[in-house]
Protein backbone atom coordinates (compact mmCIF):
# COMPACT_ATOMS: atom_id res chain seq x y z
CA UNK A 1 0.00 0.00 0.00
CA UNK A 2 1.35 3.40 -1.00
CA UNK A 3 0.41 6.79 0.41
CA UNK A 4 0.43 10.01 -1.63
CA UNK A 5 0.56 13.57 -0.32
CA UNK A 6 -0.24 16.65 -2.40
CA UNK A 7 1.51 20.00 -2.00
CA UNK A 8 -0.49 22.53 -3.95
CA UNK A 9 -2.64 25.62 -4.27
CA UNK A 10 -6.34 26.22 -5.05
CA UNK A 11 -6.32 23.88 -8.06
CA UNK A 12 -5.81 20.93 -5.71
CA UNK A 13 -8.16 21.94 -2.88
CA UNK A 14 -11.46 20.17 -2.18
CA UNK A 15 -13.72 20.87 0.77
CA UNK A 16 -13.34 18.23 3.48
CA UNK A 17 -10.01 16.96 2.15
CA UNK A 18 -7.61 19.68 3.32
CA UNK A 19 -6.18 20.35 6.78
CA UNK A 20 -8.49 22.32 9.13
CA UNK A 21 -8.39 26.07 8.60
CA UNK A 22 -6.89 25.90 5.12
CA UNK A 23 -8.32 28.21 2.46
CA UNK A 24 -10.28 26.12 -0.04
CA UNK A 25 -11.42 27.09 -3.55
CA UNK A 26 -13.52 24.04 -4.33
CA UNK A 27 -16.20 24.49 -1.70
CA UNK A 28 -19.68 23.12 -2.35
CA UNK A 29 -20.65 26.07 -4.52
CA UNK A 30 -17.51 26.00 -6.64
CA UNK A 31 -17.75 22.23 -7.02
CA UNK A 32 -21.22 22.63 -8.52
CA UNK A 33 -20.24 25.61 -10.67
CA UNK A 34 -17.31 23.69 -12.15
CA UNK A 35 -19.18 20.42 -12.59
CA UNK A 36 -17.40 18.38 -9.92
CA UNK A 37 -19.81 15.87 -8.39
CA UNK A 38 -17.40 14.18 -5.97
CA UNK A 39 -13.79 14.21 -4.83
CA UNK A 40 -13.11 11.56 -7.48
CA UNK A 41 -13.50 14.29 -10.10
CA UNK A 42 -10.29 15.97 -8.88
CA UNK A 43 -7.05 15.47 -10.77
CA UNK A 44 -5.21 14.07 -7.77
CA UNK A 45 -7.89 11.50 -6.95
CA UNK A 46 -7.67 10.23 -10.53
CA UNK A 47 -3.88 10.09 -10.27
CA UNK A 48 -4.10 8.21 -6.97
CA UNK A 49 -6.38 5.66 -8.61
CA UNK A 50 -3.80 5.18 -11.38
CA UNK A 51 -1.08 4.78 -8.75
CA UNK A 52 -3.26 2.35 -6.73
CA UNK A 53 -2.44 4.57 -3.76
CA UNK A 54 -4.21 6.14 -0.79
CA UNK A 55 -4.27 9.84 0.07
CA UNK A 56 -2.01 10.72 2.98
CA UNK A 57 -2.45 14.52 3.18
CA UNK A 58 -3.83 16.98 0.66
CA UNK A 59 -1.73 19.94 1.77
CA UNK A 60 -3.18 22.44 -0.68
CA UNK A 61 -3.95 26.04 0.24
CA UNK A 62 -5.88 28.37 -2.05
CA UNK A 63 -3.82 31.37 -3.17
CA UNK A 64 -0.53 30.03 -1.84
CA UNK A 65 2.78 30.59 -3.59
CA UNK A 66 6.11 28.83 -3.55
CA UNK A 67 7.88 31.97 -2.32
CA UNK A 68 7.80 33.41 1.16
CA UNK A 69 9.23 32.24 4.46
CA UNK A 70 6.02 31.99 6.46
CA UNK A 71 2.73 30.08 6.20
CA UNK A 72 0.97 29.56 3.80
CA UNK A 73 4.05 29.66 1.56
CA UNK A 74 4.63 26.25 0.02
CA UNK A 75 8.25 26.33 1.13
CA UNK A 76 7.40 27.21 4.74
CA UNK A 77 8.23 24.66 7.42
CA UNK A 78 4.58 24.35 8.43
CA UNK A 79 3.49 23.35 4.94
CA UNK A 80 6.42 20.99 4.43
CA UNK A 81 6.00 19.26 7.80
CA UNK A 82 2.24 18.90 7.30
CA UNK A 83 2.62 16.39 4.47
CA UNK A 84 2.53 13.47 6.90
CA UNK A 85 0.22 12.24 9.60
CA UNK A 86 0.90 10.62 12.97
CA UNK A 87 0.25 7.23 11.40
CA UNK A 88 1.73 7.57 7.92
CA UNK A 89 4.44 9.22 5.88
CA UNK A 90 3.99 9.72 2.14
CA UNK A 91 5.63 7.32 -0.27
CA UNK A 92 5.00 9.81 -3.09
CA UNK A 93 4.68 13.60 -2.89
CA UNK A 94 3.08 15.39 -5.84
CA UNK A 95 3.95 19.09 -6.03
CA UNK A 96 1.98 21.53 -8.16
CA UNK A 97 2.84 25.06 -7.13
CA UNK A 98 3.95 28.25 -8.84
CA UNK A 99 0.85 29.41 -10.68
CA UNK A 100 0.21 32.11 -8.08
CA UNK A 101 3.85 33.21 -8.14
CA UNK A 102 3.43 33.80 -11.88
CA UNK A 103 0.01 35.42 -11.47
CA UNK A 104 1.13 37.82 -8.75
CA UNK A 105 4.33 38.73 -10.56
CA UNK A 106 6.90 37.21 -8.23
CA UNK A 107 10.18 37.75 -10.13
CA UNK A 108 11.59 34.58 -11.65
CA UNK A 109 15.23 35.38 -10.91
CA UNK A 110 17.45 38.44 -10.86
CA UNK A 111 19.03 37.38 -14.15
CA UNK A 112 15.68 36.98 -15.93
CA UNK A 113 14.07 40.20 -14.75
CA UNK A 114 17.17 42.27 -15.48
CA UNK A 115 17.23 40.87 -19.01
CA UNK A 116 13.50 41.40 -19.60
CA UNK A 117 13.28 44.94 -18.24
CA UNK A 118 16.53 46.17 -19.71
CA UNK A 119 15.24 45.10 -23.14
CA UNK A 120 12.27 47.48 -22.79
CA UNK A 121 14.34 50.16 -21.03
CA UNK A 122 12.49 49.95 -17.71
CA UNK A 123 14.18 49.99 -14.32
CA UNK A 124 12.18 47.96 -11.80
CA UNK A 125 14.89 48.26 -9.14
CA UNK A 126 15.17 44.54 -8.48
CA UNK A 127 18.12 43.49 -6.33
CA UNK A 128 19.57 40.29 -4.92
CA UNK A 129 17.56 40.66 -1.69
CA UNK A 130 14.20 40.34 -3.45
CA UNK A 131 12.06 37.22 -3.09
CA UNK A 132 12.72 35.30 -6.29
CA UNK A 133 10.85 32.25 -7.56
CA UNK A 134 14.16 30.54 -8.31
CA UNK A 135 15.25 30.78 -4.67
CA UNK A 136 11.84 29.71 -3.40
CA UNK A 137 11.70 26.57 -5.53
CA UNK A 138 15.28 25.72 -4.62
CA UNK A 139 14.35 25.97 -0.92
CA UNK A 140 11.14 23.99 -1.43
CA UNK A 141 12.78 21.03 -3.15
CA UNK A 142 15.74 20.95 -0.76
CA UNK A 143 13.40 20.82 2.25
CA UNK A 144 11.24 18.10 0.71
CA UNK A 145 14.30 16.00 -0.08
CA UNK A 146 15.69 16.51 3.45
CA UNK A 147 12.51 15.78 5.42
CA UNK A 148 11.23 12.96 3.19
CA UNK A 149 14.40 11.15 2.06
CA UNK A 150 12.60 7.90 1.19
CA UNK A 151 9.70 9.50 -0.72
CA UNK A 152 9.43 9.88 -4.48
CA UNK A 153 9.02 13.65 -4.80
CA UNK A 154 7.45 14.60 -8.13
CA UNK A 155 7.27 18.25 -9.15
CA UNK A 156 4.97 19.31 -11.97
CA UNK A 157 5.65 22.12 -14.41
CA UNK A 158 2.87 24.67 -14.84
CA UNK A 159 0.19 23.90 -17.40
CA UNK A 160 -1.44 26.54 -19.57
CA UNK A 161 -5.21 26.93 -19.41
CA UNK A 162 -8.17 27.85 -21.58
CA UNK A 163 -11.56 29.34 -20.81
CA UNK A 164 -14.59 27.31 -21.80
CA UNK A 165 -16.42 28.61 -24.86
CA UNK A 166 -14.17 31.67 -25.14
CA UNK A 167 -11.42 32.69 -27.53
CA UNK A 168 -8.93 33.62 -24.81
CA UNK A 169 -5.16 33.69 -24.98
CA UNK A 170 -3.23 32.53 -21.94
CA UNK A 171 -0.81 35.30 -20.87
CA UNK A 172 2.80 34.74 -21.92
CA UNK A 173 4.22 37.14 -19.33
CA UNK A 174 3.61 38.57 -15.89
CA UNK A 175 5.52 41.41 -14.29
CA UNK A 176 7.85 38.78 -12.85
CA UNK A 177 8.93 37.40 -16.21
CA UNK A 178 7.88 35.02 -19.02
CA UNK A 179 5.60 32.12 -18.10
CA UNK A 180 8.00 29.56 -19.52
CA UNK A 181 10.83 30.91 -17.34
CA UNK A 182 8.91 29.73 -14.26
CA UNK A 183 8.79 26.25 -15.77
CA UNK A 184 12.51 26.43 -16.53
CA UNK A 185 13.12 27.12 -12.84
CA UNK A 186 10.97 24.14 -11.84
CA UNK A 187 12.92 21.90 -14.23
CA UNK A 188 16.30 23.12 -13.01
CA UNK A 189 15.63 23.02 -9.27
CA UNK A 190 13.77 19.72 -9.38
CA UNK A 191 16.68 17.98 -11.07
CA UNK A 192 19.32 19.82 -9.03
CA UNK A 193 17.82 18.67 -5.75
CA UNK A 194 17.16 15.05 -6.61
CA UNK A 195 13.43 15.06 -7.28
CA UNK A 196 11.38 13.63 -10.16
CA UNK A 197 10.12 15.99 -12.86
CA UNK A 198 6.61 15.67 -14.28
CA UNK A 199 6.97 18.00 -17.25
CA UNK A 200 3.23 18.20 -17.91
CA UNK A 201 3.53 21.49 -19.78
CA UNK A 202 5.45 19.83 -22.63
CA UNK A 203 2.28 18.25 -24.02
CA UNK A 204 1.01 21.77 -24.81
CA UNK A 205 -2.43 20.60 -23.67
CA UNK A 206 -4.55 23.26 -22.00
CA UNK A 207 -7.03 22.36 -19.32
CA UNK A 208 -10.51 23.83 -19.35
CA UNK A 209 -11.50 26.51 -16.83
CA UNK A 210 -14.25 29.07 -16.34
CA UNK A 211 -11.87 31.73 -15.02
CA UNK A 212 -8.48 31.05 -16.56
CA UNK A 213 -7.10 29.32 -13.47
CA UNK A 214 -9.27 26.61 -11.90
CA UNK A 215 -10.11 23.41 -13.80
CA UNK A 216 -13.65 22.38 -14.52
CA UNK A 217 -14.49 18.69 -14.21
CA UNK A 218 -13.29 18.28 -17.80
CA UNK A 219 -10.21 20.34 -16.99
CA UNK A 220 -9.36 17.98 -14.13
CA UNK A 221 -9.54 15.05 -16.55
CA UNK A 222 -7.07 16.72 -18.92
CA UNK A 223 -4.82 17.69 -16.03
CA UNK A 224 -4.90 14.19 -14.53
CA UNK A 225 -4.13 12.56 -17.87
CA UNK A 226 -1.02 14.74 -18.25
CA UNK A 227 0.17 13.75 -14.78
CA UNK A 228 -0.55 10.06 -15.32
CA UNK A 229 1.38 10.06 -18.60
CA UNK A 230 4.42 11.60 -16.90
CA UNK A 231 4.24 9.31 -13.89
CA UNK A 232 4.02 6.32 -16.21
CA UNK A 233 7.10 7.51 -18.09
CA UNK A 234 8.90 7.90 -14.76
CA UNK A 235 8.11 4.30 -13.87
CA UNK A 236 5.99 5.22 -10.86
CA UNK A 237 2.81 3.62 -12.21
């Protein structure tokens, strides 16, 4: 029997399946709005079924980022340590974080933002003391590897989205840098720190949403299929 823990943001929340007090996007109303009829419509429940595994902890917090030193940052000690229970430790940890860092314009790295803003002759006054996504993901993966040495830690790149029945273009940039640069950081830090990479963005599939961020029931199917394909290629299924 294998146990899986999820470290994520609003995309992975589901009312009744997150730690007490956590901010949840998929409450009863949002479940109905997005066509989810049960927890088995979530991407991670579908992945767990493919893995023939049980949920350990769904440590997902709506609106959370990778960056930041305090809760609910994904790299905070509280989030990292809350991936296990008194009875069980996860055999597999699935990480899907970074969408909010992109959305809120957390700078990718000093090198990237200096290159981007110098090319358009803007001075954003970034310096090495700023909170960069690169540093946050480095910290996140190092902590996961340290505290869960026997677990298979699988980090997913960020997947582009679409809006149902709309001709909408997913943004290529935020104030923090190009979207793909965030994925490059995930790839680099995941490999650097001895974790598995689920490069789900490579398929160029886009999951369906109503708002540009949160999957509908159909979006969760697309999202889960991308994860399952990667996990199969990694030999974890």
